[in-house]
N, C-alpha and C. Protein backbone atom coordinates (compact mmCIF):
# COMPACT_ATOMS: atom_id res chain seq x y z
N MET A 1 -12.93 17.00 19.91
CA MET A 1 -11.74 16.69 19.20
C MET A 1 -12.07 15.58 18.22
N GLU A 2 -11.87 15.78 17.01
CA GLU A 2 -12.00 14.68 15.92
C GLU A 2 -10.83 13.94 15.88
N ILE A 3 -10.86 12.35 16.06
CA ILE A 3 -9.71 11.75 16.06
C ILE A 3 -9.53 11.06 14.51
N ASP A 4 -8.31 11.22 14.22
CA ASP A 4 -8.07 10.72 12.59
C ASP A 4 -7.64 9.30 12.75
N ILE A 5 -8.66 8.52 12.45
CA ILE A 5 -8.70 6.96 12.51
C ILE A 5 -7.41 6.49 11.48
N GLY A 6 -7.54 6.95 10.34
CA GLY A 6 -6.67 6.76 9.53
C GLY A 6 -5.34 6.67 9.84
N THR A 7 -4.83 7.75 10.20
CA THR A 7 -3.40 7.91 10.48
C THR A 7 -3.16 6.94 11.75
N ARG A 8 -4.19 7.11 12.82
CA ARG A 8 -4.00 6.22 14.08
C ARG A 8 -3.58 4.73 13.75
N LEU A 9 -4.67 4.27 12.57
CA LEU A 9 -4.52 2.89 12.31
C LEU A 9 -3.14 2.43 11.70
N LYS A 10 -2.76 3.52 10.77
CA LYS A 10 -1.57 3.39 9.98
C LYS A 10 -0.40 3.13 11.05
N SER A 11 -0.40 4.04 12.00
CA SER A 11 0.55 4.18 12.88
C SER A 11 0.64 2.86 13.77
N VAL A 12 -0.41 2.47 14.38
CA VAL A 12 -0.35 1.10 15.17
C VAL A 12 0.11 0.02 14.12
N ARG A 13 -0.29 -0.06 12.84
CA ARG A 13 0.02 -1.17 11.95
C ARG A 13 1.54 -1.05 11.69
N GLN A 14 1.98 0.10 11.50
CA GLN A 14 3.58 0.26 11.18
C GLN A 14 4.45 -0.29 12.50
N SER A 15 3.83 0.23 13.71
CA SER A 15 4.35 -0.19 15.14
C SER A 15 4.65 -1.55 15.48
N ARG A 16 3.63 -2.25 14.63
CA ARG A 16 3.72 -3.67 14.80
C ARG A 16 4.23 -4.40 13.71
N LYS A 17 5.05 -3.42 12.67
CA LYS A 17 5.67 -4.28 11.62
C LYS A 17 4.95 -5.03 10.64
N LEU A 18 3.46 -4.43 10.50
CA LEU A 18 2.63 -5.30 9.53
C LEU A 18 2.32 -4.47 8.30
N SER A 19 2.74 -5.16 7.35
CA SER A 19 1.96 -4.46 5.97
C SER A 19 0.66 -4.42 5.87
N GLN A 20 0.12 -3.33 5.03
CA GLN A 20 -1.55 -3.34 4.92
C GLN A 20 -1.86 -4.84 4.30
N ARG A 21 -1.08 -5.47 3.55
CA ARG A 21 -1.65 -6.64 3.00
C ARG A 21 -1.83 -7.77 4.20
N GLU A 22 -0.80 -7.79 4.87
CA GLU A 22 -0.93 -8.74 6.12
C GLU A 22 -1.85 -8.39 7.05
N LEU A 23 -2.12 -7.11 7.48
CA LEU A 23 -3.26 -6.89 8.20
C LEU A 23 -4.60 -7.23 7.69
N ALA A 24 -4.64 -6.76 6.30
CA ALA A 24 -5.99 -7.32 5.61
C ALA A 24 -6.15 -8.76 5.67
N ARG A 25 -5.23 -9.55 5.55
CA ARG A 25 -5.31 -11.00 5.58
C ARG A 25 -5.75 -11.53 6.97
N ARG A 26 -5.15 -10.82 8.05
CA ARG A 26 -5.52 -11.25 9.33
C ARG A 26 -6.72 -10.89 9.82
N ALA A 27 -7.26 -9.70 9.30
CA ALA A 27 -8.78 -9.27 9.47
C ALA A 27 -9.89 -9.75 8.57
N GLY A 28 -9.47 -10.52 7.46
CA GLY A 28 -10.38 -10.85 6.71
C GLY A 28 -11.03 -9.79 5.88
N VAL A 29 -10.26 -8.74 5.43
CA VAL A 29 -10.78 -7.68 4.78
C VAL A 29 -9.79 -7.64 3.46
N THR A 30 -10.37 -6.81 2.41
CA THR A 30 -9.26 -6.45 1.47
C THR A 30 -8.22 -5.80 1.68
N ASN A 31 -7.17 -5.70 1.07
CA ASN A 31 -6.09 -4.74 1.20
C ASN A 31 -6.60 -3.40 0.87
N ALA A 32 -7.60 -3.15 -0.21
CA ALA A 32 -8.14 -1.93 -0.49
C ALA A 32 -8.91 -1.19 0.72
N THR A 33 -9.45 -2.08 1.49
CA THR A 33 -10.18 -1.51 2.58
C THR A 33 -9.27 -0.91 3.70
N ILE A 34 -8.16 -1.47 3.83
CA ILE A 34 -7.24 -1.09 4.76
C ILE A 34 -6.52 0.38 4.34
N SER A 35 -6.12 0.11 3.13
CA SER A 35 -5.65 1.28 2.22
C SER A 35 -6.61 2.74 2.30
N LEU A 36 -7.92 2.38 2.06
CA LEU A 36 -8.94 3.38 2.10
C LEU A 36 -9.30 3.98 3.51
N ILE A 37 -9.14 3.00 4.45
CA ILE A 37 -9.28 3.74 5.87
C ILE A 37 -8.07 4.32 6.20
N GLU A 38 -6.83 4.01 5.96
CA GLU A 38 -5.64 4.68 6.24
C GLU A 38 -5.34 5.83 5.75
N SER A 39 -5.93 6.13 4.46
CA SER A 39 -5.82 7.36 3.65
C SER A 39 -7.06 8.43 4.07
N ASN A 40 -7.84 7.80 4.94
CA ASN A 40 -9.07 8.74 5.31
C ASN A 40 -10.20 8.85 4.16
N GLN A 41 -10.05 8.02 3.21
CA GLN A 41 -10.98 7.98 2.04
C GLN A 41 -12.38 7.54 2.38
N VAL A 42 -12.42 6.59 3.53
CA VAL A 42 -13.59 6.03 4.09
C VAL A 42 -13.49 6.21 5.55
N ASN A 43 -14.49 6.28 6.09
CA ASN A 43 -14.71 6.39 7.67
C ASN A 43 -15.62 5.01 8.03
N PRO A 44 -14.93 4.06 8.47
CA PRO A 44 -15.41 2.78 8.75
C PRO A 44 -16.43 2.77 9.75
N SER A 45 -17.41 2.08 9.69
CA SER A 45 -18.26 1.85 10.87
C SER A 45 -17.64 1.24 11.99
N VAL A 46 -18.31 1.28 13.08
CA VAL A 46 -17.61 0.65 14.50
C VAL A 46 -17.33 -0.81 14.19
N GLY A 47 -18.37 -1.69 13.50
CA GLY A 47 -18.13 -3.10 13.11
C GLY A 47 -17.15 -3.20 12.42
N ALA A 48 -16.89 -2.47 11.34
CA ALA A 48 -15.86 -2.52 10.31
C ALA A 48 -14.37 -2.43 10.89
N LEU A 49 -14.36 -1.37 11.71
CA LEU A 49 -13.24 -1.06 12.56
C LEU A 49 -12.81 -2.12 13.48
N LYS A 50 -13.81 -2.66 14.28
CA LYS A 50 -13.70 -3.62 15.18
C LYS A 50 -13.02 -4.82 14.43
N ARG A 51 -13.53 -5.19 13.19
CA ARG A 51 -12.96 -6.34 12.56
C ARG A 51 -11.46 -6.28 12.08
N VAL A 52 -11.32 -4.82 11.68
CA VAL A 52 -9.83 -4.62 11.46
C VAL A 52 -9.00 -4.76 12.57
N LEU A 53 -9.38 -4.26 13.60
CA LEU A 53 -8.53 -4.12 14.85
C LEU A 53 -8.40 -5.54 15.29
N ASP A 54 -9.44 -6.33 15.23
CA ASP A 54 -9.23 -7.82 15.57
C ASP A 54 -7.99 -8.52 14.96
N GLY A 55 -7.68 -8.17 13.73
CA GLY A 55 -6.53 -8.53 13.09
C GLY A 55 -5.11 -8.11 13.66
N LEU A 56 -5.16 -7.07 14.77
CA LEU A 56 -3.88 -6.71 15.22
C LEU A 56 -3.45 -7.52 16.21
N PRO A 57 -4.01 -8.05 17.26
CA PRO A 57 -5.21 -7.76 17.74
C PRO A 57 -5.34 -6.67 18.86
N MET A 58 -6.38 -5.95 18.75
CA MET A 58 -6.57 -4.66 19.71
C MET A 58 -7.99 -4.37 19.93
N SER A 59 -8.48 -4.02 21.04
CA SER A 59 -9.69 -3.72 21.20
C SER A 59 -9.81 -2.26 20.80
N LEU A 60 -11.29 -1.85 20.77
CA LEU A 60 -11.52 -0.52 20.36
C LEU A 60 -11.33 0.24 21.39
N ALA A 61 -11.34 0.03 22.55
CA ALA A 61 -10.91 0.75 23.89
C ALA A 61 -9.64 1.08 23.80
N GLU A 62 -8.75 0.32 23.49
CA GLU A 62 -7.27 0.51 23.49
C GLU A 62 -6.90 1.27 22.12
N PHE A 63 -7.50 1.17 21.12
CA PHE A 63 -7.46 1.88 20.07
C PHE A 63 -7.61 3.39 20.09
N PHE A 64 -8.85 3.84 20.74
CA PHE A 64 -9.17 4.96 21.12
C PHE A 64 -8.49 5.64 22.07
N ALA A 65 -7.73 4.80 23.38
CA ALA A 65 -7.06 5.44 24.34
C ALA A 65 -5.59 5.66 23.91
N ILE A 66 -5.18 5.26 22.66
CA ILE A 66 -3.74 5.79 22.32
C ILE A 66 -3.67 7.17 22.14
N GLU A 67 -2.74 7.83 22.94
CA GLU A 67 -2.21 9.18 22.67
C GLU A 67 -1.79 9.35 21.31
N ALA A 68 -2.37 10.61 20.61
CA ALA A 68 -1.87 10.90 19.18
C ALA A 68 -0.57 11.55 19.51
N ALA A 69 0.19 10.89 18.60
CA ALA A 69 1.59 11.57 18.68
C ALA A 69 1.70 13.07 18.09
N PRO A 70 2.56 13.68 18.69
CA PRO A 70 2.58 14.99 18.14
C PRO A 70 3.15 15.15 16.75
N PRO A 71 2.96 16.07 16.05
CA PRO A 71 3.10 16.15 14.82
C PRO A 71 4.81 16.29 14.78
N ARG A 72 5.34 15.77 13.64
CA ARG A 72 6.97 15.59 13.59
C ARG A 72 7.34 17.11 13.26
N LYS A 73 8.37 17.31 13.95
CA LYS A 73 9.05 18.59 13.80
C LYS A 73 9.61 18.55 12.46
N ALA A 74 9.54 19.83 11.92
CA ALA A 74 10.21 20.13 10.47
C ALA A 74 11.47 20.86 10.59
N PHE A 75 11.74 21.56 11.68
CA PHE A 75 13.21 22.26 11.47
C PHE A 75 13.64 22.15 12.89
N TYR A 76 15.20 22.14 12.57
CA TYR A 76 15.99 21.95 13.78
C TYR A 76 17.41 22.93 13.94
N SER A 77 17.43 23.48 14.96
CA SER A 77 18.69 24.62 15.18
C SER A 77 19.83 23.49 15.19
N ALA A 78 20.99 24.04 15.22
CA ALA A 78 22.29 23.11 15.14
C ALA A 78 22.46 22.62 16.54
N GLU A 79 21.76 23.16 17.63
CA GLU A 79 21.98 22.90 18.93
C GLU A 79 20.96 21.67 19.34
N GLU A 80 20.01 21.40 18.53
CA GLU A 80 19.15 20.44 18.52
C GLU A 80 19.44 18.97 18.00
N LEU A 81 20.51 19.11 17.22
CA LEU A 81 21.00 17.74 16.74
C LEU A 81 21.57 17.00 17.75
N VAL A 82 21.27 15.73 17.80
CA VAL A 82 21.45 14.62 18.67
C VAL A 82 22.60 13.96 18.47
N GLU A 83 23.62 13.91 19.39
CA GLU A 83 24.91 13.18 19.22
C GLU A 83 24.63 11.55 19.48
N VAL A 84 24.68 10.99 18.38
CA VAL A 84 24.73 9.44 18.51
C VAL A 84 25.90 8.69 18.31
N GLY A 85 27.07 9.22 18.57
CA GLY A 85 28.55 8.60 18.17
C GLY A 85 29.31 9.01 19.49
N LYS A 86 30.41 8.46 19.59
CA LYS A 86 31.44 8.49 20.57
C LYS A 86 32.79 8.51 20.20
N GLY A 87 33.79 9.07 20.79
CA GLY A 87 35.03 9.06 20.52
C GLY A 87 35.49 9.89 19.26
N LYS A 88 36.44 9.48 18.54
CA LYS A 88 36.90 10.14 17.32
C LYS A 88 35.96 10.37 16.35
N ILE A 89 34.86 9.78 16.27
CA ILE A 89 33.71 9.99 15.20
C ILE A 89 32.51 10.48 15.76
N SER A 90 32.12 11.67 15.48
CA SER A 90 30.82 12.28 15.90
C SER A 90 29.87 12.14 15.06
N TYR A 91 28.63 11.55 15.29
CA TYR A 91 27.40 11.59 14.58
C TYR A 91 26.33 12.34 15.08
N ARG A 92 26.05 13.46 14.45
CA ARG A 92 24.98 14.28 15.11
C ARG A 92 23.62 14.02 14.09
N GLN A 93 22.85 13.65 14.53
CA GLN A 93 21.37 13.34 13.78
C GLN A 93 20.49 14.23 13.95
N VAL A 94 19.82 14.36 12.97
CA VAL A 94 18.62 15.36 12.87
C VAL A 94 17.36 14.45 13.28
N GLY A 95 16.77 15.06 14.62
CA GLY A 95 15.74 14.43 15.03
C GLY A 95 16.09 13.55 16.28
N ALA A 96 15.28 13.47 17.27
CA ALA A 96 15.77 12.69 18.46
C ALA A 96 15.41 11.18 18.25
N ASP A 97 13.93 11.04 18.05
CA ASP A 97 13.45 9.92 17.79
C ASP A 97 12.96 9.52 16.27
N LEU A 98 13.79 8.40 15.72
CA LEU A 98 13.59 8.07 14.36
C LEU A 98 12.39 6.97 14.18
N SER A 99 11.86 6.59 15.29
CA SER A 99 10.82 5.21 15.03
C SER A 99 9.99 5.77 14.12
N GLY A 100 9.58 4.76 13.39
CA GLY A 100 8.60 5.10 12.24
C GLY A 100 9.15 5.83 10.99
N CYS A 101 10.48 6.31 11.06
CA CYS A 101 11.25 7.07 10.10
C CYS A 101 11.68 6.32 9.00
N ALA A 102 11.90 6.69 7.68
CA ALA A 102 12.49 5.83 6.62
C ALA A 102 13.83 6.33 6.39
N LEU A 103 14.34 7.63 6.90
CA LEU A 103 15.34 8.24 6.49
C LEU A 103 16.00 8.73 7.69
N GLN A 104 17.50 8.59 7.70
CA GLN A 104 18.34 9.21 8.92
C GLN A 104 19.18 10.25 8.27
N ILE A 105 19.39 11.35 8.80
CA ILE A 105 20.31 12.48 8.24
C ILE A 105 21.27 12.74 9.35
N LEU A 106 22.46 12.59 9.24
CA LEU A 106 23.62 12.69 9.99
C LEU A 106 24.79 13.89 9.57
N VAL A 107 25.25 14.63 10.49
CA VAL A 107 26.48 15.42 10.46
C VAL A 107 27.71 14.63 10.98
N GLU A 108 28.41 14.14 10.21
CA GLU A 108 29.43 13.26 10.82
C GLU A 108 30.76 13.92 10.62
N ARG A 109 31.40 13.76 11.80
CA ARG A 109 32.67 14.33 12.09
C ARG A 109 33.81 13.38 12.48
N TYR A 110 34.90 13.41 11.50
CA TYR A 110 35.94 12.34 12.00
C TYR A 110 37.27 13.11 12.13
N ALA A 111 37.79 12.83 13.52
CA ALA A 111 38.89 13.40 13.78
C ALA A 111 40.16 12.82 13.24
N PRO A 112 41.39 13.55 12.98
CA PRO A 112 42.45 12.98 12.36
C PRO A 112 42.74 11.58 12.80
N GLY A 113 42.78 10.39 12.01
CA GLY A 113 43.06 9.06 12.38
C GLY A 113 41.80 8.33 12.59
N ALA A 114 40.69 8.89 12.84
CA ALA A 114 39.31 8.16 12.88
C ALA A 114 39.18 7.27 11.86
N ASP A 115 38.65 6.00 12.37
CA ASP A 115 38.45 4.90 11.51
C ASP A 115 37.09 4.11 12.14
N THR A 116 36.33 3.73 11.25
CA THR A 116 35.04 2.85 11.77
C THR A 116 35.41 1.42 12.15
N GLY A 117 36.85 1.19 11.93
CA GLY A 117 37.38 -0.21 12.35
C GLY A 117 37.69 -1.13 11.05
N ARG A 118 38.60 -2.13 11.38
CA ARG A 118 38.98 -2.91 10.27
C ARG A 118 37.94 -3.90 9.94
N ILE A 119 37.11 -4.12 10.83
CA ILE A 119 35.68 -5.12 10.31
C ILE A 119 34.93 -4.43 9.76
N MET A 120 34.56 -4.60 8.50
CA MET A 120 33.91 -3.73 7.56
C MET A 120 32.36 -3.67 8.18
N LEU A 121 31.65 -2.69 7.89
CA LEU A 121 30.32 -2.39 8.38
C LEU A 121 29.55 -3.12 7.31
N ARG A 122 28.33 -3.78 7.65
CA ARG A 122 27.09 -4.20 6.75
C ARG A 122 25.89 -3.97 7.52
N HIS A 123 24.89 -3.51 6.61
CA HIS A 123 23.71 -3.49 7.26
C HIS A 123 22.71 -3.33 6.08
N GLU A 124 21.27 -3.40 6.59
CA GLU A 124 20.34 -3.28 5.25
C GLU A 124 20.03 -1.87 4.93
N GLY A 125 19.78 -1.46 3.82
CA GLY A 125 19.54 -0.08 3.30
C GLY A 125 20.46 0.33 2.27
N GLU A 126 20.52 1.69 2.13
CA GLU A 126 21.40 2.56 1.35
C GLU A 126 21.88 3.63 2.21
N GLU A 127 22.99 4.33 1.78
CA GLU A 127 23.53 5.49 2.32
C GLU A 127 24.45 6.03 1.31
N GLY A 128 24.46 7.35 1.79
CA GLY A 128 25.10 8.38 0.86
C GLY A 128 25.57 9.57 1.64
N GLY A 129 26.48 10.37 1.08
CA GLY A 129 26.87 11.47 1.63
C GLY A 129 27.97 12.37 0.77
N ILE A 130 28.15 13.69 1.16
CA ILE A 130 28.91 14.54 0.73
C ILE A 130 30.03 15.09 1.60
N VAL A 131 31.22 15.02 1.25
CA VAL A 131 32.16 15.63 2.04
C VAL A 131 32.19 16.96 1.97
N ILE A 132 32.14 17.82 3.20
CA ILE A 132 32.16 19.28 3.40
C ILE A 132 33.48 19.74 3.54
N ARG A 133 34.07 19.09 4.51
CA ARG A 133 35.52 19.42 4.63
C ARG A 133 36.49 18.29 4.88
N GLY A 134 37.66 18.54 4.61
CA GLY A 134 38.57 17.54 4.84
C GLY A 134 38.75 16.39 3.73
N ARG A 135 39.30 15.30 4.22
CA ARG A 135 39.32 14.30 3.41
C ARG A 135 38.80 13.00 3.97
N LEU A 136 38.33 12.21 3.42
CA LEU A 136 37.87 10.84 3.96
C LEU A 136 38.07 9.53 2.94
N GLU A 137 38.77 8.63 3.48
CA GLU A 137 38.89 7.48 2.63
C GLU A 137 37.68 6.32 2.93
N ILE A 138 36.92 5.96 2.11
CA ILE A 138 35.91 5.02 2.01
C ILE A 138 36.23 3.99 1.16
N THR A 139 36.03 2.76 1.73
CA THR A 139 36.09 1.63 1.14
C THR A 139 34.71 0.77 1.19
N VAL A 140 34.40 0.29 -0.26
CA VAL A 140 33.24 -0.14 -0.62
C VAL A 140 33.38 -1.42 -1.18
N ALA A 141 32.85 -2.72 -0.63
CA ALA A 141 33.01 -3.87 -1.45
C ALA A 141 34.64 -4.05 -2.01
N GLY A 142 35.75 -3.74 -1.23
CA GLY A 142 36.93 -4.00 -1.59
C GLY A 142 37.70 -2.59 -2.56
N GLN A 143 36.77 -1.56 -2.76
CA GLN A 143 37.34 -0.80 -3.61
C GLN A 143 37.39 0.61 -2.86
N ALA A 144 38.63 1.17 -2.56
CA ALA A 144 38.71 2.25 -1.86
C ALA A 144 38.84 3.57 -2.62
N ARG A 145 38.58 4.67 -2.04
CA ARG A 145 38.47 5.94 -2.70
C ARG A 145 38.71 6.95 -1.79
N LEU A 146 39.58 8.04 -1.96
CA LEU A 146 39.88 9.06 -1.17
C LEU A 146 38.99 10.24 -1.56
N LEU A 147 38.09 10.85 -0.75
CA LEU A 147 37.14 11.95 -1.18
C LEU A 147 37.43 13.33 -0.55
N GLY A 148 37.25 14.35 -1.17
CA GLY A 148 37.50 15.56 -0.61
C GLY A 148 36.36 16.39 -0.69
N PRO A 149 36.29 17.68 -0.20
CA PRO A 149 35.16 18.40 -0.31
C PRO A 149 34.61 18.55 -1.52
N GLY A 150 33.06 18.47 -1.51
CA GLY A 150 32.41 18.23 -2.54
C GLY A 150 31.90 16.79 -3.35
N ASP A 151 33.04 15.96 -2.92
CA ASP A 151 32.81 14.63 -3.42
C ASP A 151 31.83 13.93 -2.75
N ALA A 152 31.36 13.01 -3.35
CA ALA A 152 30.12 12.11 -2.68
C ALA A 152 30.22 10.66 -2.89
N TYR A 153 29.37 9.95 -2.07
CA TYR A 153 29.21 8.68 -2.17
C TYR A 153 28.12 8.39 -2.03
N TYR A 154 27.62 6.93 -2.69
CA TYR A 154 26.12 6.29 -2.51
C TYR A 154 26.18 5.04 -2.93
N PHE A 155 25.80 4.16 -1.79
CA PHE A 155 25.93 2.87 -2.08
C PHE A 155 24.79 1.93 -1.49
N GLU A 156 24.66 0.67 -1.57
CA GLU A 156 23.95 -0.18 -0.92
C GLU A 156 24.73 -0.65 0.25
N SER A 157 24.02 -0.55 1.54
CA SER A 157 24.76 -0.58 2.70
C SER A 157 25.11 -2.28 3.18
N GLN A 158 24.47 -2.92 2.30
CA GLN A 158 24.80 -4.39 2.42
C GLN A 158 26.17 -4.82 2.02
N GLN A 159 26.82 -4.13 1.18
CA GLN A 159 28.27 -4.22 0.86
C GLN A 159 29.05 -3.88 2.04
N PRO A 160 30.01 -4.70 2.17
CA PRO A 160 30.98 -4.31 3.23
C PRO A 160 31.64 -2.91 3.14
N HIS A 161 31.62 -2.11 4.02
CA HIS A 161 32.26 -0.76 3.85
C HIS A 161 32.86 -0.36 5.03
N ARG A 162 33.69 0.74 4.98
CA ARG A 162 34.66 1.31 5.92
C ARG A 162 34.73 2.76 5.79
N PHE A 163 34.93 3.61 6.79
CA PHE A 163 35.23 5.10 6.51
C PHE A 163 36.40 5.26 7.34
N ARG A 164 37.54 6.08 6.91
CA ARG A 164 38.87 6.65 7.63
C ARG A 164 39.01 7.92 7.11
N ASN A 165 39.42 8.73 8.30
CA ASN A 165 40.34 10.09 8.09
C ASN A 165 41.49 9.87 8.13
N THR A 166 42.45 9.65 6.79
CA THR A 166 43.75 9.35 6.66
C THR A 166 44.55 10.62 6.85
N GLY A 167 43.82 11.88 6.90
CA GLY A 167 44.48 13.11 6.87
C GLY A 167 44.71 13.73 8.17
N LYS A 168 45.34 14.99 8.21
CA LYS A 168 45.77 15.62 9.41
C LYS A 168 45.06 16.51 9.87
N GLU A 169 43.60 16.77 9.31
CA GLU A 169 42.62 17.84 9.62
C GLU A 169 41.19 17.04 9.79
N VAL A 170 40.37 17.64 10.44
CA VAL A 170 38.89 17.14 10.70
C VAL A 170 38.28 17.04 9.34
N CYS A 171 37.56 15.90 9.22
CA CYS A 171 36.78 15.71 8.10
C CYS A 171 35.22 15.75 8.43
N GLU A 172 34.37 16.73 7.86
CA GLU A 172 32.96 16.58 8.03
C GLU A 172 32.11 16.19 6.62
N VAL A 173 31.10 15.39 7.03
CA VAL A 173 30.43 14.75 6.11
C VAL A 173 29.01 14.92 6.53
N ILE A 174 27.95 15.25 5.33
CA ILE A 174 26.71 15.32 5.66
C ILE A 174 26.19 14.22 4.89
N SER A 175 25.30 13.00 5.65
CA SER A 175 25.14 11.81 5.15
C SER A 175 23.60 11.58 5.36
N ALA A 176 23.23 10.59 4.64
CA ALA A 176 21.65 10.09 4.79
C ALA A 176 21.94 8.42 4.61
N CYS A 177 20.90 8.04 5.47
CA CYS A 177 20.95 6.43 5.16
C CYS A 177 19.47 5.90 5.55
N THR A 178 19.02 5.07 4.55
CA THR A 178 17.62 4.41 4.92
C THR A 178 17.84 2.97 5.01
N PRO A 179 17.05 2.26 5.83
CA PRO A 179 16.49 2.89 6.98
C PRO A 179 17.43 3.52 7.94
N PRO A 180 16.85 4.06 9.23
CA PRO A 180 17.98 4.56 10.06
C PRO A 180 18.78 3.52 10.77
N THR A 181 20.11 3.50 10.90
CA THR A 181 20.87 2.53 11.35
C THR A 181 21.33 2.53 12.87
N PHE A 182 21.20 3.79 13.45
CA PHE A 182 21.80 4.03 14.80
C PHE A 182 20.62 3.89 15.73
């Protein structure tokens, strides 16, 4: 069985929240070296790989003992969406484990009267969505708008924001945010 050194190195580096540039600095190699290894354009010698791993720090034995992650699933049935919300707001997420992912996709369901709260939400990233059914009042940076089916929103999530179903029917939204926030 052949080991994909580039993908494994990238996974370890990202799990430690290091950029290619930072790992290169710590290992005393060029940024291009890390990039070439991770893209499998070069196959490093044992000595070169050890030098890169010293920047983590990680031994060769630890590196080769890591279990390869199974390939990420591409398709999900409705039953496989994972509930990550409670109460009057349901958030059904595509995919169970989003570690290492840049994007989170949700099917949101707001019961009549559901509200994310009077304290405005704020977090890093961007988010957007499309109302599929019902009506949803969204407030972003002090500006409120009532959206209906087919209407959409997209904003930087650092801006204070809030979601409320002011109607008498359930509201459903398909949304995406980056990075994942739940």
